[in-house]
């Protein structure tokens, strides 16, 4: 069964169990999905004549937020698959020199893929934060705190994904792949900073 169709309780039971997946990577992607859903909710509450001046922008934000929610849920599943492939690679035989070499290649390839998924979550979280930035000044003030919640969820997604990607990097054999992944991981710092700025801006807005 796909995790995206599980109940919350079923997902959390799996998370709390000794099974290796779902784990932190899946929760990171789920954080991103929740952030996108919160942005979409605020956009849906920002309709009617009062928001007519910004209707096109709000509509664009809504469409992208709905798309990102689906993409993030796909990454929940992909993370579990990638993590499973790492375990499978480590379980390959190593009783001969040829088997050891094949096992090493399989591990390196699996770790590279296991790094690509969190890197994609970082990028997606950045898009969620940018949507929150666009919607905050023009969205419905009555639900503006959910913009902060969206930014914080995206922040958690990026922060968790950064460490999950970093832990796999030493095992990525190909230098070009490792360099590309390292460069992508650095984008997390900007996501965290912008998310914090968005939450601060919301707090200032509700205190006026």
N, C-alpha and C. Protein backbone atom coordinates (compact mmCIF):
# COMPACT_ATOMS: atom_id res chain seq x y z
N UNK A 1 0.84 -1.20 0.00
CA UNK A 1 0.00 0.00 0.00
C UNK A 1 0.87 1.25 0.00
N UNK A 2 0.49 2.24 -0.77
CA UNK A 2 1.22 3.49 -0.80
C UNK A 2 1.04 4.24 0.51
N UNK A 3 2.12 4.84 0.98
CA UNK A 3 2.03 5.60 2.22
C UNK A 3 1.09 6.79 2.09
N UNK A 4 0.95 7.31 0.89
CA UNK A 4 0.09 8.47 0.70
C UNK A 4 -1.38 8.14 0.93
N UNK A 5 -1.72 6.85 0.92
CA UNK A 5 -3.10 6.46 1.19
C UNK A 5 -3.28 5.92 2.61
N UNK A 6 -2.21 5.87 3.38
CA UNK A 6 -2.31 5.42 4.77
C UNK A 6 -3.04 6.45 5.62
N UNK A 7 -3.61 5.99 6.72
CA UNK A 7 -4.10 6.93 7.72
C UNK A 7 -2.90 7.53 8.44
N UNK A 8 -3.12 8.65 9.11
CA UNK A 8 -2.03 9.27 9.88
C UNK A 8 -1.51 8.30 10.92
N UNK A 9 -2.42 7.60 11.58
CA UNK A 9 -2.01 6.66 12.63
C UNK A 9 -1.16 5.53 12.06
N UNK A 10 -1.55 5.01 10.91
CA UNK A 10 -0.78 3.93 10.29
C UNK A 10 0.62 4.40 9.92
N UNK A 11 0.71 5.59 9.36
CA UNK A 11 2.01 6.15 8.99
C UNK A 11 2.89 6.31 10.24
N UNK A 12 2.32 6.86 11.30
CA UNK A 12 3.10 7.09 12.52
C UNK A 12 3.51 5.79 13.18
N UNK A 13 2.66 4.78 13.10
CA UNK A 13 3.04 3.48 13.64
C UNK A 13 4.24 2.92 12.88
N UNK A 14 4.22 3.07 11.57
CA UNK A 14 5.35 2.63 10.77
C UNK A 14 6.60 3.42 11.09
N UNK A 15 6.43 4.71 11.31
CA UNK A 15 7.55 5.59 11.63
C UNK A 15 8.17 5.20 12.98
N UNK A 16 7.34 4.81 13.91
CA UNK A 16 7.82 4.47 15.25
C UNK A 16 8.37 3.05 15.36
N UNK A 17 8.16 2.25 14.33
CA UNK A 17 8.56 0.85 14.37
C UNK A 17 10.06 0.69 14.07
N UNK A 18 10.53 -0.55 14.12
CA UNK A 18 11.92 -0.85 13.79
C UNK A 18 12.16 -0.98 12.29
N UNK A 19 11.13 -0.82 11.49
CA UNK A 19 11.30 -0.85 10.05
C UNK A 19 12.10 0.38 9.62
N UNK A 20 13.03 0.24 8.67
CA UNK A 20 13.86 1.38 8.27
C UNK A 20 13.10 2.45 7.48
N UNK A 21 11.98 2.09 6.90
CA UNK A 21 11.19 3.07 6.14
C UNK A 21 9.71 2.86 6.49
N UNK A 22 8.97 3.95 6.67
CA UNK A 22 9.39 5.34 6.51
C UNK A 22 10.31 5.81 7.63
N UNK A 23 11.10 6.83 7.31
CA UNK A 23 12.00 7.42 8.27
C UNK A 23 12.05 8.92 8.09
N UNK A 24 13.18 9.50 8.44
CA UNK A 24 13.32 10.95 8.39
C UNK A 24 13.12 11.54 7.00
N UNK A 25 13.57 10.80 5.98
CA UNK A 25 13.41 11.32 4.62
C UNK A 25 11.96 11.43 4.21
N UNK A 26 11.17 10.43 4.57
CA UNK A 26 9.75 10.48 4.25
C UNK A 26 9.06 11.61 5.00
N UNK A 27 9.44 11.80 6.25
CA UNK A 27 8.82 12.89 7.02
C UNK A 27 9.20 14.25 6.45
N UNK A 28 10.42 14.36 5.92
CA UNK A 28 10.83 15.63 5.31
C UNK A 28 9.95 15.96 4.11
N UNK A 29 9.73 14.97 3.26
CA UNK A 29 8.85 15.19 2.10
C UNK A 29 7.43 15.48 2.54
N UNK A 30 6.99 14.83 3.61
CA UNK A 30 5.65 15.10 4.12
C UNK A 30 5.54 16.51 4.68
N UNK A 31 6.60 16.99 5.34
CA UNK A 31 6.63 18.39 5.78
C UNK A 31 6.40 19.33 4.59
N UNK A 32 7.09 19.04 3.49
CA UNK A 32 6.95 19.89 2.30
C UNK A 32 5.53 19.84 1.76
N UNK A 33 4.94 18.64 1.77
CA UNK A 33 3.55 18.51 1.31
C UNK A 33 2.60 19.30 2.18
N UNK A 34 2.81 19.27 3.48
CA UNK A 34 1.96 20.03 4.40
C UNK A 34 2.13 21.53 4.17
N UNK A 35 3.36 21.96 3.94
CA UNK A 35 3.58 23.37 3.65
C UNK A 35 2.84 23.82 2.41
N UNK A 36 2.91 23.01 1.36
CA UNK A 36 2.20 23.34 0.13
C UNK A 36 0.69 23.36 0.35
N UNK A 37 0.19 22.41 1.14
CA UNK A 37 -1.25 22.37 1.42
C UNK A 37 -1.71 23.60 2.19
N UNK A 38 -0.89 24.05 3.11
CA UNK A 38 -1.25 25.25 3.89
C UNK A 38 -1.27 26.50 3.01
N UNK A 39 -0.32 26.60 2.10
CA UNK A 39 -0.34 27.73 1.16
C UNK A 39 -1.61 27.69 0.32
N UNK A 40 -1.96 26.50 -0.14
CA UNK A 40 -3.17 26.36 -0.95
C UNK A 40 -4.42 26.75 -0.17
N UNK A 41 -4.46 26.38 1.10
CA UNK A 41 -5.60 26.73 1.93
C UNK A 41 -5.76 28.25 2.05
N UNK A 42 -4.65 28.93 2.33
CA UNK A 42 -4.71 30.39 2.44
C UNK A 42 -5.15 31.01 1.12
N UNK A 43 -4.66 30.47 0.02
CA UNK A 43 -5.06 30.99 -1.30
C UNK A 43 -6.55 30.80 -1.53
N UNK A 44 -7.08 29.68 -1.11
CA UNK A 44 -8.51 29.42 -1.31
C UNK A 44 -9.37 30.33 -0.44
N UNK A 45 -8.85 30.73 0.69
CA UNK A 45 -9.58 31.68 1.53
C UNK A 45 -9.42 33.12 1.05
N UNK A 46 -8.54 33.33 0.09
CA UNK A 46 -8.28 34.69 -0.41
C UNK A 46 -9.01 34.90 -1.73
N UNK A 47 -10.34 34.82 -1.68
CA UNK A 47 -11.14 34.98 -2.90
C UNK A 47 -12.19 36.06 -2.66
N UNK A 48 -12.97 36.33 -3.69
CA UNK A 48 -14.02 37.33 -3.58
C UNK A 48 -13.55 38.71 -3.99
N UNK A 49 -14.48 39.65 -3.93
CA UNK A 49 -14.22 41.01 -4.43
C UNK A 49 -13.05 41.67 -3.71
N UNK A 50 -12.89 41.39 -2.44
CA UNK A 50 -11.84 42.03 -1.64
C UNK A 50 -10.45 41.73 -2.18
N UNK A 51 -10.32 40.59 -2.85
CA UNK A 51 -9.00 40.18 -3.34
C UNK A 51 -8.93 40.19 -4.87
N UNK A 52 -9.90 40.85 -5.49
CA UNK A 52 -10.00 40.82 -6.95
C UNK A 52 -8.75 41.39 -7.63
N UNK A 53 -8.16 42.40 -7.01
CA UNK A 53 -6.98 43.04 -7.59
C UNK A 53 -5.82 42.04 -7.75
N UNK A 54 -5.77 41.07 -6.87
CA UNK A 54 -4.66 40.11 -6.88
C UNK A 54 -5.13 38.71 -7.28
N UNK A 55 -6.28 38.62 -7.90
CA UNK A 55 -6.87 37.31 -8.21
C UNK A 55 -5.96 36.46 -9.09
N UNK A 56 -5.33 37.07 -10.08
CA UNK A 56 -4.47 36.30 -10.98
C UNK A 56 -3.27 35.73 -10.23
N UNK A 57 -2.65 36.55 -9.40
CA UNK A 57 -1.50 36.09 -8.63
C UNK A 57 -1.90 35.00 -7.63
N UNK A 58 -3.00 35.19 -6.95
CA UNK A 58 -3.48 34.20 -5.99
C UNK A 58 -3.81 32.89 -6.69
N UNK A 59 -4.43 32.99 -7.86
CA UNK A 59 -4.74 31.79 -8.63
C UNK A 59 -3.50 31.04 -9.05
N UNK A 60 -2.47 31.76 -9.44
CA UNK A 60 -1.21 31.12 -9.85
C UNK A 60 -0.55 30.43 -8.67
N UNK A 61 -0.57 31.10 -7.51
CA UNK A 61 -0.01 30.50 -6.29
C UNK A 61 -0.77 29.23 -5.94
N UNK A 62 -2.08 29.28 -6.02
CA UNK A 62 -2.91 28.13 -5.69
C UNK A 62 -2.60 26.93 -6.59
N UNK A 63 -2.52 27.19 -7.88
CA UNK A 63 -2.26 26.10 -8.82
C UNK A 63 -0.91 25.45 -8.56
N UNK A 64 0.11 26.26 -8.29
CA UNK A 64 1.44 25.71 -8.04
C UNK A 64 1.47 24.98 -6.71
N UNK A 65 0.80 25.51 -5.70
CA UNK A 65 0.78 24.85 -4.39
C UNK A 65 0.13 23.48 -4.48
N UNK A 66 -0.95 23.37 -5.21
CA UNK A 66 -1.61 22.07 -5.38
C UNK A 66 -0.69 21.10 -6.11
N UNK A 67 0.03 21.60 -7.11
CA UNK A 67 0.97 20.74 -7.84
C UNK A 67 2.09 20.26 -6.92
N UNK A 68 2.63 21.17 -6.12
CA UNK A 68 3.74 20.82 -5.24
C UNK A 68 3.32 19.81 -4.18
N UNK A 69 2.09 19.90 -3.72
CA UNK A 69 1.61 18.93 -2.73
C UNK A 69 1.69 17.51 -3.31
N UNK A 70 1.25 17.36 -4.54
CA UNK A 70 1.31 16.05 -5.18
C UNK A 70 2.73 15.58 -5.41
N UNK A 71 3.60 16.48 -5.84
CA UNK A 71 5.00 16.12 -6.07
C UNK A 71 5.68 15.71 -4.77
N UNK A 72 5.37 16.41 -3.69
CA UNK A 72 5.97 16.08 -2.40
C UNK A 72 5.53 14.70 -1.94
N UNK A 73 4.28 14.37 -2.15
CA UNK A 73 3.81 13.04 -1.76
C UNK A 73 4.49 11.95 -2.59
N UNK A 74 4.77 12.25 -3.84
CA UNK A 74 5.53 11.30 -4.65
C UNK A 74 6.92 11.07 -4.05
N UNK A 75 7.51 12.13 -3.52
CA UNK A 75 8.85 12.03 -2.94
C UNK A 75 8.84 11.24 -1.63
N UNK A 76 7.71 11.26 -0.92
CA UNK A 76 7.59 10.40 0.26
C UNK A 76 7.82 8.95 -0.15
N UNK A 77 7.16 8.52 -1.22
CA UNK A 77 7.30 7.15 -1.69
C UNK A 77 8.68 6.88 -2.26
N UNK A 78 9.20 7.84 -3.02
CA UNK A 78 10.51 7.65 -3.64
C UNK A 78 11.61 7.54 -2.60
N UNK A 79 11.47 8.27 -1.50
CA UNK A 79 12.48 8.18 -0.45
C UNK A 79 12.52 6.77 0.14
N UNK A 80 11.34 6.22 0.40
CA UNK A 80 11.28 4.87 0.96
C UNK A 80 11.88 3.86 -0.01
N UNK A 81 11.61 4.03 -1.31
CA UNK A 81 12.16 3.13 -2.31
C UNK A 81 13.68 3.24 -2.37
N UNK A 82 14.18 4.47 -2.35
CA UNK A 82 15.62 4.69 -2.42
C UNK A 82 16.32 4.11 -1.20
N UNK A 83 15.72 4.29 -0.04
CA UNK A 83 16.32 3.76 1.18
C UNK A 83 16.34 2.24 1.15
N UNK A 84 15.28 1.65 0.62
CA UNK A 84 15.25 0.21 0.50
C UNK A 84 16.33 -0.31 -0.43
N UNK A 85 16.60 0.44 -1.50
CA UNK A 85 17.64 0.03 -2.45
C UNK A 85 19.02 0.06 -1.80
N UNK A 86 19.24 1.00 -0.90
CA UNK A 86 20.52 1.04 -0.18
C UNK A 86 20.69 -0.22 0.66
N UNK A 87 19.65 -0.59 1.38
CA UNK A 87 19.70 -1.80 2.19
C UNK A 87 19.94 -3.04 1.35
N UNK A 88 19.30 -3.09 0.19
CA UNK A 88 19.49 -4.23 -0.71
C UNK A 88 20.93 -4.31 -1.20
N UNK A 89 21.50 -3.15 -1.54
CA UNK A 89 22.88 -3.12 -2.03
C UNK A 89 23.86 -3.59 -0.96
N UNK A 90 23.65 -3.17 0.27
CA UNK A 90 24.54 -3.60 1.35
C UNK A 90 24.40 -5.10 1.62
N UNK A 91 23.27 -5.66 1.24
CA UNK A 91 23.05 -7.09 1.46
C UNK A 91 23.57 -7.99 0.36
N UNK A 92 24.15 -7.42 -0.69
CA UNK A 92 24.67 -8.22 -1.79
C UNK A 92 25.88 -9.04 -1.33
N UNK A 93 26.11 -10.17 -1.98
CA UNK A 93 27.24 -11.03 -1.58
C UNK A 93 28.59 -10.35 -1.80
N UNK A 94 29.56 -10.75 -0.99
CA UNK A 94 30.91 -10.20 -1.09
C UNK A 94 31.95 -11.30 -0.85
N UNK A 95 31.61 -12.48 -1.36
CA UNK A 95 32.47 -13.64 -1.11
C UNK A 95 33.60 -13.79 -2.12
N UNK A 96 33.55 -13.03 -3.20
CA UNK A 96 34.63 -13.04 -4.18
C UNK A 96 35.01 -11.60 -4.51
N UNK A 97 36.16 -11.45 -5.17
CA UNK A 97 36.60 -10.10 -5.55
C UNK A 97 35.61 -9.45 -6.50
N UNK A 98 35.10 -10.25 -7.44
CA UNK A 98 34.13 -9.71 -8.39
C UNK A 98 32.84 -9.31 -7.67
N UNK A 99 32.40 -10.13 -6.74
CA UNK A 99 31.18 -9.82 -6.00
C UNK A 99 31.36 -8.57 -5.15
N UNK A 100 32.54 -8.44 -4.55
CA UNK A 100 32.81 -7.25 -3.74
C UNK A 100 32.78 -5.98 -4.59
N UNK A 101 33.36 -6.07 -5.77
CA UNK A 101 33.39 -4.91 -6.67
C UNK A 101 31.98 -4.54 -7.11
N UNK A 102 31.18 -5.56 -7.46
CA UNK A 102 29.80 -5.30 -7.88
C UNK A 102 28.99 -4.72 -6.73
N UNK A 103 29.22 -5.23 -5.53
CA UNK A 103 28.52 -4.71 -4.35
C UNK A 103 28.88 -3.25 -4.10
N UNK A 104 30.16 -2.93 -4.22
CA UNK A 104 30.60 -1.55 -4.01
C UNK A 104 29.95 -0.60 -5.02
N UNK A 105 29.89 -1.05 -6.28
CA UNK A 105 29.26 -0.21 -7.30
C UNK A 105 27.77 -0.01 -7.01
N UNK A 106 27.13 -1.08 -6.58
CA UNK A 106 25.70 -0.99 -6.28
C UNK A 106 25.43 -0.08 -5.09
N UNK A 107 26.28 -0.16 -4.08
CA UNK A 107 26.12 0.71 -2.91
C UNK A 107 26.29 2.17 -3.30
N UNK A 108 27.34 2.46 -4.09
CA UNK A 108 27.59 3.84 -4.51
C UNK A 108 26.42 4.39 -5.30
N UNK A 109 25.88 3.58 -6.22
CA UNK A 109 24.74 4.03 -7.02
C UNK A 109 23.50 4.24 -6.16
N UNK A 110 23.28 3.35 -5.21
CA UNK A 110 22.10 3.48 -4.34
C UNK A 110 22.22 4.70 -3.44
N UNK A 111 23.42 4.96 -2.94
CA UNK A 111 23.61 6.13 -2.08
C UNK A 111 23.45 7.43 -2.87
N UNK A 112 23.87 7.41 -4.12
CA UNK A 112 23.68 8.60 -4.97
C UNK A 112 22.19 8.89 -5.15
N UNK A 113 21.42 7.85 -5.42
CA UNK A 113 19.98 8.03 -5.58
C UNK A 113 19.33 8.44 -4.26
N UNK A 114 19.82 7.86 -3.17
CA UNK A 114 19.28 8.22 -1.85
C UNK A 114 19.58 9.66 -1.49
N UNK A 115 20.60 10.25 -2.10
CA UNK A 115 20.89 11.67 -1.90
C UNK A 115 20.07 12.56 -2.83
N UNK A 116 19.74 12.04 -4.01
CA UNK A 116 18.98 12.85 -4.97
C UNK A 116 17.58 13.17 -4.47
N UNK A 117 16.96 12.23 -3.78
CA UNK A 117 15.60 12.47 -3.31
C UNK A 117 15.55 13.63 -2.31
N UNK A 118 16.36 13.63 -1.24
CA UNK A 118 16.30 14.78 -0.34
C UNK A 118 16.71 16.09 -1.00
N UNK A 119 17.61 16.03 -1.97
CA UNK A 119 17.97 17.24 -2.70
C UNK A 119 16.74 17.79 -3.43
N UNK A 120 15.94 16.90 -3.99
CA UNK A 120 14.71 17.34 -4.65
C UNK A 120 13.71 17.91 -3.64
N UNK A 121 13.69 17.34 -2.45
CA UNK A 121 12.82 17.89 -1.40
C UNK A 121 13.27 19.29 -1.02
N UNK A 122 14.56 19.52 -0.93
CA UNK A 122 15.07 20.86 -0.63
C UNK A 122 14.59 21.86 -1.68
N UNK A 123 14.72 21.48 -2.96
CA UNK A 123 14.28 22.37 -4.03
C UNK A 123 12.78 22.63 -3.95
N UNK A 124 12.02 21.59 -3.67
CA UNK A 124 10.57 21.75 -3.57
C UNK A 124 10.20 22.63 -2.38
N UNK A 125 10.89 22.43 -1.26
CA UNK A 125 10.63 23.27 -0.09
C UNK A 125 10.91 24.74 -0.39
N UNK A 126 11.94 24.97 -1.19
CA UNK A 126 12.24 26.35 -1.58
C UNK A 126 11.10 26.95 -2.39
N UNK A 127 10.49 26.17 -3.24
CA UNK A 127 9.35 26.67 -4.02
C UNK A 127 8.16 26.96 -3.11
N UNK A 128 7.96 26.13 -2.09
CA UNK A 128 6.87 26.38 -1.15
C UNK A 128 7.09 27.71 -0.42
N UNK A 129 8.32 27.95 0.00
CA UNK A 129 8.62 29.20 0.70
C UNK A 129 8.39 30.39 -0.22
N UNK A 130 8.80 30.27 -1.48
CA UNK A 130 8.58 31.39 -2.41
C UNK A 130 7.09 31.67 -2.61
N UNK A 131 6.29 30.62 -2.63
CA UNK A 131 4.83 30.83 -2.73
C UNK A 131 4.31 31.54 -1.48
N UNK A 132 4.81 31.13 -0.33
CA UNK A 132 4.40 31.79 0.91
C UNK A 132 4.78 33.26 0.90
N UNK A 133 5.96 33.56 0.37
CA UNK A 133 6.40 34.96 0.27
C UNK A 133 5.47 35.76 -0.63
N UNK A 134 5.05 35.17 -1.73
CA UNK A 134 4.17 35.88 -2.66
C UNK A 134 2.78 36.10 -2.08
N UNK A 135 2.30 35.12 -1.32
CA UNK A 135 0.92 35.18 -0.84
C UNK A 135 0.77 36.01 0.44
N UNK A 136 1.80 36.06 1.26
CA UNK A 136 1.67 36.73 2.56
C UNK A 136 1.16 38.17 2.47
N UNK A 137 1.68 39.01 1.57
CA UNK A 137 1.21 40.41 1.58
C UNK A 137 -0.20 40.59 1.02
N UNK A 138 -0.70 39.62 0.27
CA UNK A 138 -1.98 39.83 -0.42
C UNK A 138 -3.07 38.84 0.01
N UNK A 139 -2.70 37.88 0.85
CA UNK A 139 -3.65 36.85 1.24
C UNK A 139 -4.58 37.29 2.36
N UNK A 140 -5.52 36.45 2.65
CA UNK A 140 -6.52 36.70 3.69
C UNK A 140 -5.83 36.80 5.05
N UNK A 141 -5.94 37.96 5.68
CA UNK A 141 -5.27 38.18 6.95
C UNK A 141 -5.80 37.26 8.04
N UNK A 142 -7.03 36.82 7.92
CA UNK A 142 -7.61 35.97 8.96
C UNK A 142 -6.93 34.60 9.06
N UNK A 143 -6.24 34.20 8.00
CA UNK A 143 -5.53 32.92 8.03
C UNK A 143 -4.04 33.11 7.76
N UNK A 144 -3.55 34.30 8.01
CA UNK A 144 -2.16 34.62 7.67
C UNK A 144 -1.17 33.82 8.50
N UNK A 145 -1.58 33.40 9.71
CA UNK A 145 -0.65 32.58 10.50
C UNK A 145 -0.35 31.25 9.82
N UNK A 146 -1.25 30.81 8.94
CA UNK A 146 -0.98 29.57 8.22
C UNK A 146 0.11 29.73 7.17
N UNK A 147 0.37 30.98 6.78
CA UNK A 147 1.54 31.23 5.94
C UNK A 147 2.81 30.94 6.73
N UNK A 148 2.84 31.37 7.99
CA UNK A 148 3.98 31.06 8.85
C UNK A 148 4.10 29.55 9.05
N UNK A 149 2.97 28.89 9.25
CA UNK A 149 3.00 27.44 9.42
C UNK A 149 3.54 26.76 8.17
N UNK A 150 3.16 27.27 7.01
CA UNK A 150 3.66 26.72 5.74
C UNK A 150 5.16 26.91 5.63
N UNK A 151 5.63 28.11 5.97
CA UNK A 151 7.06 28.39 5.90
C UNK A 151 7.84 27.51 6.87
N UNK A 152 7.30 27.33 8.06
CA UNK A 152 7.98 26.50 9.05
C UNK A 152 8.01 25.03 8.62
N UNK A 153 6.93 24.57 7.99
CA UNK A 153 6.90 23.20 7.49
C UNK A 153 7.94 23.02 6.38
N UNK A 154 8.03 23.99 5.49
CA UNK A 154 9.02 23.93 4.43
C UNK A 154 10.43 23.99 5.00
N UNK A 155 10.60 24.78 6.04
CA UNK A 155 11.91 24.87 6.71
C UNK A 155 12.32 23.51 7.26
N UNK A 156 11.39 22.85 7.93
CA UNK A 156 11.68 21.52 8.48
C UNK A 156 12.03 20.54 7.36
N UNK A 157 11.31 20.65 6.25
CA UNK A 157 11.60 19.76 5.11
C UNK A 157 13.02 19.97 4.61
N UNK A 158 13.42 21.22 4.45
CA UNK A 158 14.75 21.51 3.92
C UNK A 158 15.85 21.14 4.90
N UNK A 159 15.64 21.43 6.17
CA UNK A 159 16.65 21.13 7.18
C UNK A 159 16.87 19.63 7.33
N UNK A 160 15.78 18.88 7.39
CA UNK A 160 15.88 17.43 7.51
C UNK A 160 16.49 16.82 6.26
N UNK A 161 16.10 17.31 5.11
CA UNK A 161 16.63 16.77 3.85
C UNK A 161 18.12 17.05 3.70
N UNK A 162 18.54 18.20 4.19
CA UNK A 162 19.96 18.53 4.09
C UNK A 162 20.81 17.48 4.81
N UNK A 163 20.47 17.18 6.04
CA UNK A 163 21.27 16.21 6.80
C UNK A 163 21.14 14.81 6.22
N UNK A 164 19.96 14.47 5.69
CA UNK A 164 19.78 13.15 5.08
C UNK A 164 20.59 12.99 3.81
N UNK A 165 20.75 14.08 3.05
CA UNK A 165 21.59 14.02 1.85
C UNK A 165 23.06 13.98 2.23
N UNK A 166 23.43 14.79 3.21
CA UNK A 166 24.84 14.88 3.60
C UNK A 166 25.39 13.54 4.11
N UNK A 167 24.56 12.78 4.81
CA UNK A 167 25.05 11.53 5.39
C UNK A 167 25.42 10.51 4.31
N UNK A 168 24.83 10.64 3.13
CA UNK A 168 25.11 9.69 2.05
C UNK A 168 26.28 10.10 1.16
N UNK A 169 26.66 11.36 1.20
CA UNK A 169 27.67 11.87 0.27
C UNK A 169 29.00 11.12 0.31
N UNK A 170 29.52 10.76 1.49
CA UNK A 170 30.82 10.07 1.49
C UNK A 170 30.82 8.76 0.70
N UNK A 171 29.66 8.16 0.54
CA UNK A 171 29.59 6.90 -0.19
C UNK A 171 29.35 7.05 -1.68
N UNK A 172 29.17 8.28 -2.16
CA UNK A 172 28.95 8.53 -3.59
C UNK A 172 30.30 8.55 -4.28
N UNK A 173 30.56 7.56 -5.14
CA UNK A 173 31.89 7.38 -5.70
C UNK A 173 32.22 8.37 -6.82
N UNK A 174 31.25 8.70 -7.64
CA UNK A 174 31.52 9.55 -8.80
C UNK A 174 31.71 11.00 -8.37
N UNK A 175 32.87 11.60 -8.63
CA UNK A 175 33.13 12.97 -8.17
C UNK A 175 32.16 14.00 -8.73
N UNK A 176 31.80 13.85 -10.00
CA UNK A 176 30.89 14.83 -10.60
C UNK A 176 29.52 14.77 -9.94
N UNK A 177 29.05 13.55 -9.69
CA UNK A 177 27.77 13.39 -9.01
C UNK A 177 27.83 13.96 -7.60
N UNK A 178 28.91 13.67 -6.90
CA UNK A 178 29.07 14.17 -5.53
C UNK A 178 29.13 15.70 -5.51
N UNK A 179 29.84 16.30 -6.45
CA UNK A 179 29.93 17.76 -6.51
C UNK A 179 28.57 18.38 -6.80
N UNK A 180 27.81 17.77 -7.72
CA UNK A 180 26.49 18.31 -8.06
C UNK A 180 25.54 18.22 -6.87
N UNK A 181 25.60 17.10 -6.17
CA UNK A 181 24.75 16.94 -4.99
C UNK A 181 25.15 17.93 -3.89
N UNK A 182 26.44 18.11 -3.70
CA UNK A 182 26.92 19.05 -2.68
C UNK A 182 26.45 20.46 -2.97
N UNK A 183 26.54 20.86 -4.24
CA UNK A 183 26.09 22.19 -4.63
C UNK A 183 24.59 22.36 -4.38
N UNK A 184 23.82 21.32 -4.69
CA UNK A 184 22.37 21.39 -4.48
C UNK A 184 22.01 21.46 -3.00
N UNK A 185 22.78 20.76 -2.17
CA UNK A 185 22.51 20.75 -0.74
C UNK A 185 22.69 22.14 -0.14
N UNK A 186 23.63 22.92 -0.68
CA UNK A 186 23.87 24.25 -0.13
C UNK A 186 22.66 25.16 -0.25
N UNK A 187 21.74 24.82 -1.17
CA UNK A 187 20.54 25.64 -1.33
C UNK A 187 19.65 25.61 -0.09
N UNK A 188 19.83 24.61 0.76
CA UNK A 188 19.00 24.50 1.96
C UNK A 188 19.16 25.71 2.86
N UNK A 189 20.37 26.25 2.94
CA UNK A 189 20.60 27.40 3.82
C UNK A 189 19.72 28.59 3.42
N UNK A 190 19.57 28.81 2.12
CA UNK A 190 18.72 29.91 1.66
C UNK A 190 17.26 29.64 1.98
N UNK A 191 16.83 28.40 1.84
CA UNK A 191 15.45 28.05 2.16
C UNK A 191 15.17 28.32 3.64
N UNK A 192 16.08 27.90 4.49
CA UNK A 192 15.91 28.11 5.93
C UNK A 192 15.83 29.60 6.26
N UNK A 193 16.72 30.37 5.65
CA UNK A 193 16.75 31.82 5.91
C UNK A 193 15.46 32.49 5.46
N UNK A 194 15.00 32.16 4.27
CA UNK A 194 13.79 32.79 3.75
C UNK A 194 12.55 32.35 4.52
N UNK A 195 12.54 31.11 4.95
CA UNK A 195 11.42 30.63 5.76
C UNK A 195 11.36 31.39 7.08
N UNK A 196 12.51 31.58 7.70
CA UNK A 196 12.56 32.33 8.96
C UNK A 196 12.09 33.77 8.75
N UNK A 197 12.51 34.36 7.65
CA UNK A 197 12.09 35.74 7.35
C UNK A 197 10.58 35.82 7.15
N UNK A 198 10.02 34.83 6.49
CA UNK A 198 8.58 34.82 6.26
C UNK A 198 7.81 34.70 7.57
N UNK A 199 8.26 33.80 8.44
CA UNK A 199 7.60 33.65 9.74
C UNK A 199 7.71 34.93 10.55
N UNK A 200 8.87 35.56 10.52
CA UNK A 200 9.05 36.83 11.24
C UNK A 200 8.13 37.89 10.69
N UNK A 201 8.00 37.95 9.37
CA UNK A 201 7.12 38.95 8.74
C UNK A 201 5.67 38.72 9.14
N UNK A 202 5.25 37.45 9.22
CA UNK A 202 3.88 37.16 9.65
C UNK A 202 3.67 37.60 11.09
N UNK A 203 4.62 37.32 11.95
CA UNK A 203 4.49 37.71 13.37
C UNK A 203 4.40 39.22 13.51
N UNK A 204 5.17 39.92 12.73
CA UNK A 204 5.10 41.38 12.76
C UNK A 204 3.77 41.88 12.23
N UNK A 205 3.25 41.20 11.21
CA UNK A 205 1.99 41.59 10.60
C UNK A 205 0.82 41.43 11.55
N UNK A 206 0.80 40.34 12.33
CA UNK A 206 -0.33 40.11 13.23
C UNK A 206 -0.24 40.96 14.49
N UNK A 207 0.90 41.58 14.73
CA UNK A 207 1.04 42.42 15.91
C UNK A 207 0.74 43.89 15.63
N UNK A 208 0.45 44.21 14.38
CA UNK A 208 0.17 45.61 14.04
C UNK A 208 -1.23 46.00 14.50
